[in-house]
Structure formats: structure tokens, C-alpha cells
Amino acid sequence: MRVPSTGAILRRMTFPSPQASSPSDAVKGLRPLFAWALLAYTALRLFFSFLSWIVNSDYGSFAARSANAGFVGLYTIVLPLVAVLIATQIQPALRGAKLIAMVALGEYAFALLFGALTFLISLLWGPGGSNFAAKAVNYLSHVVLGALELGLMLLAAFAVLRVFTSLGGQLPKFQSGTPKPPATGDAPTQPLN
């Protein structure tokens, strides 16, 4: 009996057989790669959006840079959600699906925080140009579309949160104030009626 080499085993695990029985079987082995690649692209996009927002650029004022920051957009809304769907909705779910959902939640939290912040700062920005009607239309489209994009991102983050909790994930519980240590030897008291 011949024992296969480690390289042969890794090739079979990483690259599915070209004689797959169906098109879905042909790409199942690539699911982790796609999910992590989508999350990595989103993380890099958010990182460079942050750098472009902080570093002085061609947009001029800080409010103008905030209007064009790019924290909330099609890529940052859709790609983490697609990564989570790839990891969880194609059966069987990936072993790292909970971690993928957690990373997507972190990306959404970062993008929502800075997206909302830059949206509020950008409300101070007045679009350029001499035509009042063009300025009004540009400003109105910025406000309406910016608010809708934030809403879509919030909806996608909520969907990922539901997937994360369905996989057994829990968000940290925060306590307000400082907890009081229990008194030693004292029985809890009940209020008198």
C-alpha cells in the first residue's frame, strides 16, 4: 500500500478535482479563499480610506475630505455580507464561519463609526460652483444618498449580526458604573412590602 505524500494531500485539499460532479462542487474548495479575500479587500479599502481622510489631499478642507472619505460605499456594504453568506449559506457551513462573521462585524463597526462621523462633518461642506441650483442638487444628493448608504450598511451589519449570533457568537456585555462587590456573609435583603 502506497502512502500519499504531504504535498499530494495538500493539493487535493486545496484544489478540488477537475472531474467534479457539479459546478457547485467545483468551487466549494475555494469558498474559504473567497470569503477571506473579500474581507481582506474591505479591510484594505477601509484602511486607505482612513489614510486619505486624515492626510491632506486634493479635496481641500477637512469637511470636503469628509464628504469624499469613502468609508461607506458599495464595496464596504456588500463585500463583508457576501463573505458571510459564502461561509454560511452554502452547505456545509465553513468551520471558520463564526470568525468570518466576527471580522465582518468589526469591519462594519469601523465603517459605520467613521462613515457616520464623516457624513456629519460633510454636512458643513458646501459644494463648489457658481450655479445655485447645481449646488442645491449636489448637496441634496449628497445628504439623501449618504443617509441611504448608511442605512443599507446598518441593515447589512444587522444581518451579519444575526448570522453571528445564530452561530453561537455573543457580543460583550457592558455594565454601567462600577460593580459593587458582594458583602461577605450577608444574606441578600428583600424590600418590605
C-alpha atoms as a PDB file:
ATOM      1  CA  MET A   1       0.000   0.000   0.000  1.00  0.00           C
ATOM      2  CA  ARG A   2       1.429   3.355  -1.070  1.00  0.00           C
ATOM      3  CA  VAL A   3       1.097   6.315   1.319  1.00  0.00           C
ATOM      4  CA  PRO A   4       0.447   9.660  -0.422  1.00  0.00           C
ATOM      5  CA  SER A   5       2.926  12.457   0.192  1.00  0.00           C
ATOM      6  CA  THR A   6       2.028  15.528   2.228  1.00  0.00           C
ATOM      7  CA  GLY A   7       2.165  17.660  -0.918  1.00  0.00           C
ATOM      8  CA  ALA A   8      -0.343  15.417  -2.674  1.00  0.00           C
ATOM      9  CA  ILE A   9      -2.696  15.586   0.292  1.00  0.00           C
ATOM     10  CA  LEU A  10      -2.468  19.391   0.432  1.00  0.00           C
ATOM     11  CA  ARG A  11      -3.086  19.698  -3.313  1.00  0.00           C
ATOM     12  CA  ARG A  12      -6.223  17.574  -3.012  1.00  0.00           C
ATOM     13  CA  MET A  13      -7.466  19.628  -0.042  1.00  0.00           C
ATOM     14  CA  THR A  14      -6.722  22.991  -1.671  1.00  0.00           C
ATOM     15  CA  PHE A  15      -7.565  22.334  -5.294  1.00  0.00           C
ATOM     16  CA  PRO A  16     -10.688  20.307  -5.981  1.00  0.00           C
ATOM     17  CA  SER A  17     -10.585  17.577  -8.547  1.00  0.00           C
ATOM     18  CA  PRO A  18     -11.232  18.812 -12.122  1.00  0.00           C
ATOM     19  CA  GLN A  19     -13.730  15.954 -12.500  1.00  0.00           C
ATOM     20  CA  ALA A  20     -16.192  17.487 -10.001  1.00  0.00           C
ATOM     21  CA  SER A  21     -19.688  16.073 -10.219  1.00  0.00           C
ATOM     22  CA  SER A  22     -21.369  19.505 -10.401  1.00  0.00           C
ATOM     23  CA  PRO A  23     -20.431  23.158 -10.852  1.00  0.00           C
ATOM     24  CA  SER A  24     -21.075  23.846  -7.161  1.00  0.00           C
ATOM     25  CA  ASP A  25     -18.682  21.047  -6.179  1.00  0.00           C
ATOM     26  CA  ALA A  26     -16.018  22.582  -8.399  1.00  0.00           C
ATOM     27  CA  VAL A  27     -15.878  25.797  -6.346  1.00  0.00           C
ATOM     28  CA  LYS A  28     -16.664  24.521  -2.841  1.00  0.00           C
ATOM     29  CA  GLY A  29     -12.976  24.171  -2.033  1.00  0.00           C
ATOM     30  CA  LEU A  30     -12.434  27.828  -2.933  1.00  0.00           C
ATOM     31  CA  ARG A  31     -15.058  29.165  -0.521  1.00  0.00           C
ATOM     32  CA  PRO A  32     -12.647  29.975   2.339  1.00  0.00           C
ATOM     33  CA  LEU A  33     -10.309  31.740  -0.082  1.00  0.00           C
ATOM     34  CA  PHE A  34     -13.129  33.864  -1.498  1.00  0.00           C
ATOM     35  CA  ALA A  35     -14.547  34.738   1.932  1.00  0.00           C
ATOM     36  CA  TRP A  36     -11.189  35.809   3.367  1.00  0.00           C
ATOM     37  CA  ALA A  37     -10.204  37.645   0.171  1.00  0.00           C
ATOM     38  CA  LEU A  38     -13.414  39.697   0.270  1.00  0.00           C
ATOM     39  CA  LEU A  39     -12.818  40.579   3.925  1.00  0.00           C
ATOM     40  CA  ALA A  40      -9.165  41.441   3.252  1.00  0.00           C
ATOM     41  CA  TYR A  41     -10.123  43.720   0.348  1.00  0.00           C
ATOM     42  CA  THR A  42     -12.687  45.502   2.521  1.00  0.00           C
ATOM     43  CA  ALA A  43     -10.168  45.937   5.342  1.00  0.00           C
ATOM     44  CA  LEU A  44      -7.593  47.408   2.960  1.00  0.00           C
ATOM     45  CA  ARG A  45     -10.181  49.708   1.404  1.00  0.00           C
ATOM     46  CA  LEU A  46     -11.182  50.982   4.860  1.00  0.00           C
ATOM     47  CA  PHE A  47      -7.523  51.426   5.846  1.00  0.00           C
ATOM     48  CA  PHE A  48      -6.726  53.503   2.763  1.00  0.00           C
ATOM     49  CA  SER A  49      -9.965  55.476   3.141  1.00  0.00           C
ATOM     50  CA  PHE A  50      -8.872  56.338   6.671  1.00  0.00           C
ATOM     51  CA  LEU A  51      -5.406  57.404   5.490  1.00  0.00           C
ATOM     52  CA  SER A  52      -6.857  59.521   2.674  1.00  0.00           C
ATOM     53  CA  TRP A  53      -9.263  61.174   5.095  1.00  0.00           C
ATOM     54  CA  ILE A  54      -6.590  62.021   7.673  1.00  0.00           C
ATOM     55  CA  VAL A  55      -3.815  63.070   5.274  1.00  0.00           C
ATOM     56  CA  ASN A  56      -4.319  66.366   3.498  1.00  0.00           C
ATOM     57  CA  SER A  57      -5.353  65.660  -0.093  1.00  0.00           C
ATOM     58  CA  ASP A  58      -6.621  67.391  -3.224  1.00  0.00           C
ATOM     59  CA  TYR A  59     -10.106  67.817  -1.776  1.00  0.00           C
ATOM     60  CA  GLY A  60      -9.027  70.833   0.278  1.00  0.00           C
ATOM     61  CA  SER A  61     -10.815  71.378   3.565  1.00  0.00           C
ATOM     62  CA  PHE A  62     -11.420  68.716   6.181  1.00  0.00           C
ATOM     63  CA  ALA A  63     -15.175  68.916   5.558  1.00  0.00           C
ATOM     64  CA  ALA A  64     -14.631  68.391   1.818  1.00  0.00           C
ATOM     65  CA  ARG A  65     -12.352  65.413   2.527  1.00  0.00           C
ATOM     66  CA  SER A  66     -15.049  64.029   4.828  1.00  0.00           C
ATOM     67  CA  ALA A  67     -17.609  64.298   2.049  1.00  0.00           C
ATOM     68  CA  ASN A  68     -15.379  62.146  -0.160  1.00  0.00           C
ATOM     69  CA  ALA A  69     -13.924  59.836   2.501  1.00  0.00           C
ATOM     70  CA  GLY A  70     -15.347  56.593   1.103  1.00  0.00           C
ATOM     71  CA  PHE A  71     -15.965  54.676   4.334  1.00  0.00           C
ATOM     72  CA  VAL A  72     -19.480  53.805   3.211  1.00  0.00           C
ATOM     73  CA  GLY A  73     -19.914  52.640  -0.355  1.00  0.00           C
ATOM     74  CA  LEU A  74     -20.920  49.700  -2.476  1.00  0.00           C
ATOM     75  CA  TYR A  75     -17.784  47.675  -1.697  1.00  0.00           C
ATOM     76  CA  THR A  76     -17.814  48.241   2.047  1.00  0.00           C
ATOM     77  CA  ILE A  77     -21.538  47.492   2.242  1.00  0.00           C
ATOM     78  CA  VAL A  78     -21.722  44.376   0.092  1.00  0.00           C
ATOM     79  CA  LEU A  79     -18.397  42.526   0.312  1.00  0.00           C
ATOM     80  CA  PRO A  80     -18.453  41.604   4.042  1.00  0.00           C
ATOM     81  CA  LEU A  81     -22.061  40.432   3.684  1.00  0.00           C
ATOM     82  CA  VAL A  82     -21.173  38.305   0.643  1.00  0.00           C
ATOM     83  CA  ALA A  83     -18.215  36.807   2.542  1.00  0.00           C
ATOM     84  CA  VAL A  84     -20.503  35.788   5.406  1.00  0.00           C
ATOM     85  CA  LEU A  85     -23.089  34.377   3.004  1.00  0.00           C
ATOM     86  CA  ILE A  86     -20.409  32.360   1.196  1.00  0.00           C
ATOM     87  CA  ALA A  87     -19.221  30.971   4.526  1.00  0.00           C
ATOM     88  CA  THR A  88     -22.642  30.133   5.962  1.00  0.00           C
ATOM     89  CA  GLN A  89     -25.324  29.721   3.327  1.00  0.00           C
ATOM     90  CA  ILE A  90     -23.624  27.183   1.067  1.00  0.00           C
ATOM     91  CA  GLN A  91     -23.826  23.863   2.860  1.00  0.00           C
ATOM     92  CA  PRO A  92     -21.928  22.702   4.744  1.00  0.00           C
ATOM     93  CA  ALA A  93     -21.032  25.919   6.545  1.00  0.00           C
ATOM     94  CA  LEU A  94     -17.317  26.569   6.803  1.00  0.00           C
ATOM     95  CA  ARG A  95     -15.575  25.715  10.065  1.00  0.00           C
ATOM     96  CA  GLY A  96     -14.384  29.315  10.406  1.00  0.00           C
ATOM     97  CA  ALA A  97     -17.775  30.841   9.644  1.00  0.00           C
ATOM     98  CA  LYS A  98     -18.122  32.377  13.100  1.00  0.00           C
ATOM     99  CA  LEU A  99     -14.693  34.028  12.812  1.00  0.00           C
ATOM    100  CA  ILE A 100     -15.554  35.309   9.326  1.00  0.00           C
ATOM    101  CA  ALA A 101     -18.790  36.800  10.687  1.00  0.00           C
ATOM    102  CA  MET A 102     -16.899  38.383  13.604  1.00  0.00           C
ATOM    103  CA  VAL A 103     -14.360  40.014  11.262  1.00  0.00           C
ATOM    104  CA  ALA A 104     -17.198  41.277   9.052  1.00  0.00           C
ATOM    105  CA  LEU A 105     -18.888  42.766  12.137  1.00  0.00           C
ATOM    106  CA  GLY A 106     -15.657  44.539  13.048  1.00  0.00           C
ATOM    107  CA  GLU A 107     -15.387  45.972   9.552  1.00  0.00           C
ATOM    108  CA  TYR A 108     -18.984  47.136   9.677  1.00  0.00           C
ATOM    109  CA  ALA A 109     -18.450  48.737  13.099  1.00  0.00           C
ATOM    110  CA  PHE A 110     -15.385  50.626  11.838  1.00  0.00           C
ATOM    111  CA  ALA A 111     -17.090  51.708   8.614  1.00  0.00           C
ATOM    112  CA  LEU A 112     -20.299  52.771  10.375  1.00  0.00           C
ATOM    113  CA  LEU A 113     -18.434  54.764  13.023  1.00  0.00           C
ATOM    114  CA  PHE A 114     -16.233  56.656  10.592  1.00  0.00           C
ATOM    115  CA  GLY A 115     -18.913  56.771   7.907  1.00  0.00           C
ATOM    116  CA  ALA A 116     -21.389  58.449  10.260  1.00  0.00           C
ATOM    117  CA  LEU A 117     -18.682  60.783  11.576  1.00  0.00           C
ATOM    118  CA  THR A 118     -17.568  61.866   8.111  1.00  0.00           C
ATOM    119  CA  PHE A 119     -21.193  62.202   6.977  1.00  0.00           C
ATOM    120  CA  LEU A 120     -21.947  64.576   9.856  1.00  0.00           C
ATOM    121  CA  ILE A 121     -18.755  66.569   9.225  1.00  0.00           C
ATOM    122  CA  SER A 122     -19.512  66.711   5.500  1.00  0.00           C
ATOM    123  CA  LEU A 123     -22.824  68.426   6.194  1.00  0.00           C
ATOM    124  CA  LEU A 124     -20.686  71.529   6.817  1.00  0.00           C
ATOM    125  CA  TRP A 125     -19.257  71.210   3.321  1.00  0.00           C
ATOM    126  CA  GLY A 126     -20.808  73.405   0.666  1.00  0.00           C
ATOM    127  CA  PRO A 127     -20.454  72.025  -2.849  1.00  0.00           C
ATOM    128  CA  GLY A 128     -18.471  74.229  -5.195  1.00  0.00           C
ATOM    129  CA  GLY A 129     -19.700  76.005  -8.271  1.00  0.00           C
ATOM    130  CA  SER A 130     -21.405  79.281  -9.051  1.00  0.00           C
ATOM    131  CA  ASN A 131     -24.828  77.969 -10.034  1.00  0.00           C
ATOM    132  CA  PHE A 132     -27.144  77.896  -7.005  1.00  0.00           C
ATOM    133  CA  ALA A 133     -29.393  75.183  -8.483  1.00  0.00           C
ATOM    134  CA  ALA A 134     -26.420  72.895  -9.178  1.00  0.00           C
ATOM    135  CA  LYS A 135     -25.124  73.446  -5.628  1.00  0.00           C
ATOM    136  CA  ALA A 136     -28.525  72.623  -4.160  1.00  0.00           C
ATOM    137  CA  VAL A 137     -28.888  69.447  -6.223  1.00  0.00           C
ATOM    138  CA  ASN A 138     -25.339  68.296  -5.334  1.00  0.00           C
ATOM    139  CA  TYR A 139     -25.878  68.946  -1.641  1.00  0.00           C
ATOM    140  CA  LEU A 140     -29.309  67.277  -1.632  1.00  0.00           C
ATOM    141  CA  SER A 141     -27.990  64.198  -3.445  1.00  0.00           C
ATOM    142  CA  HIS A 142     -25.063  64.006  -1.014  1.00  0.00           C
ATOM    143  CA  VAL A 143     -27.376  64.123   2.004  1.00  0.00           C
ATOM    144  CA  VAL A 144     -30.021  61.725   0.666  1.00  0.00           C
ATOM    145  CA  LEU A 145     -27.652  59.161  -0.853  1.00  0.00           C
ATOM    146  CA  GLY A 146     -25.263  59.354   2.108  1.00  0.00           C
ATOM    147  CA  ALA A 147     -28.099  58.670   4.546  1.00  0.00           C
ATOM    148  CA  LEU A 148     -29.370  55.782   2.395  1.00  0.00           C
ATOM    149  CA  GLU A 149     -25.892  54.254   2.165  1.00  0.00           C
ATOM    150  CA  LEU A 150     -25.528  54.422   5.949  1.00  0.00           C
ATOM    151  CA  GLY A 151     -28.952  52.789   6.275  1.00  0.00           C
ATOM    152  CA  LEU A 152     -28.018  49.988   3.861  1.00  0.00           C
ATOM    153  CA  MET A 153     -24.771  49.388   5.744  1.00  0.00           C
ATOM    154  CA  LEU A 154     -26.656  49.267   9.034  1.00  0.00           C
ATOM    155  CA  LEU A 155     -29.072  46.717   7.539  1.00  0.00           C
ATOM    156  CA  ALA A 156     -26.197  44.564   6.242  1.00  0.00           C
ATOM    157  CA  ALA A 157     -24.459  44.778   9.638  1.00  0.00           C
ATOM    158  CA  PHE A 158     -27.687  43.688  11.343  1.00  0.00           C
ATOM    159  CA  ALA A 159     -27.951  40.689   9.001  1.00  0.00           C
ATOM    160  CA  VAL A 160     -24.347  39.694   9.778  1.00  0.00           C
ATOM    161  CA  LEU A 161     -25.016  40.157  13.493  1.00  0.00           C
ATOM    162  CA  ARG A 162     -27.969  37.764  13.264  1.00  0.00           C
ATOM    163  CA  VAL A 163     -25.817  35.200  11.455  1.00  0.00           C
ATOM    164  CA  PHE A 164     -23.054  35.646  14.054  1.00  0.00           C
ATOM    165  CA  THR A 165     -25.426  35.067  16.978  1.00  0.00           C
ATOM    166  CA  SER A 166     -27.033  32.085  15.224  1.00  0.00           C
ATOM    167  CA  LEU A 167     -23.548  30.527  15.019  1.00  0.00           C
ATOM    168  CA  GLY A 168     -23.197  30.838  18.795  1.00  0.00           C
ATOM    169  CA  GLY A 169     -21.361  34.151  18.877  1.00  0.00           C
ATOM    170  CA  GLN A 170     -22.039  36.604  21.672  1.00  0.00           C
ATOM    171  CA  LEU A 171     -21.391  40.298  21.925  1.00  0.00           C
ATOM    172  CA  PRO A 172     -19.598  41.504  25.053  1.00  0.00           C
ATOM    173  CA  LYS A 173     -21.878  42.633  27.854  1.00  0.00           C
ATOM    174  CA  PHE A 174     -21.076  46.054  29.254  1.00  0.00           C
ATOM    175  CA  GLN A 175     -22.022  47.142  32.763  1.00  0.00           C
ATOM    176  CA  SER A 176     -22.736  50.729  33.630  1.00  0.00           C
ATOM    177  CA  GLY A 177     -20.779  52.131  36.543  1.00  0.00           C
ATOM    178  CA  THR A 178     -18.532  50.132  38.800  1.00  0.00           C
ATOM    179  CA  PRO A 179     -19.921  46.881  40.124  1.00  0.00           C
ATOM    180  CA  LYS A 180     -20.153  46.626  43.891  1.00  0.00           C
ATOM    181  CA  PRO A 181     -18.553  43.552  45.383  1.00  0.00           C
ATOM    182  CA  PRO A 182     -20.957  41.377  47.370  1.00  0.00           C
ATOM    183  CA  ALA A 183     -20.680  41.701  51.126  1.00  0.00           C
ATOM    184  CA  THR A 184     -19.217  38.617  52.710  1.00  0.00           C
ATOM    185  CA  GLY A 185     -21.508  36.695  54.993  1.00  0.00           C
ATOM    186  CA  ASP A 186     -24.512  38.946  54.418  1.00  0.00           C
ATOM    187  CA  ALA A 187     -27.677  37.427  53.098  1.00  0.00           C
ATOM    188  CA  PRO A 188     -29.405  39.363  50.336  1.00  0.00           C
ATOM    189  CA  THR A 189     -32.147  41.586  51.672  1.00  0.00           C
ATOM    190  CA  GLN A 190     -35.609  41.777  50.237  1.00  0.00           C
ATOM    191  CA  PRO A 191     -37.577  45.034  50.208  1.00  0.00           C
ATOM    192  CA  LEU A 192     -40.512  45.152  52.608  1.00  0.00           C
ATOM    193  CA  ASN A 193     -43.944  45.341  51.098  1.00  0.00           C
END
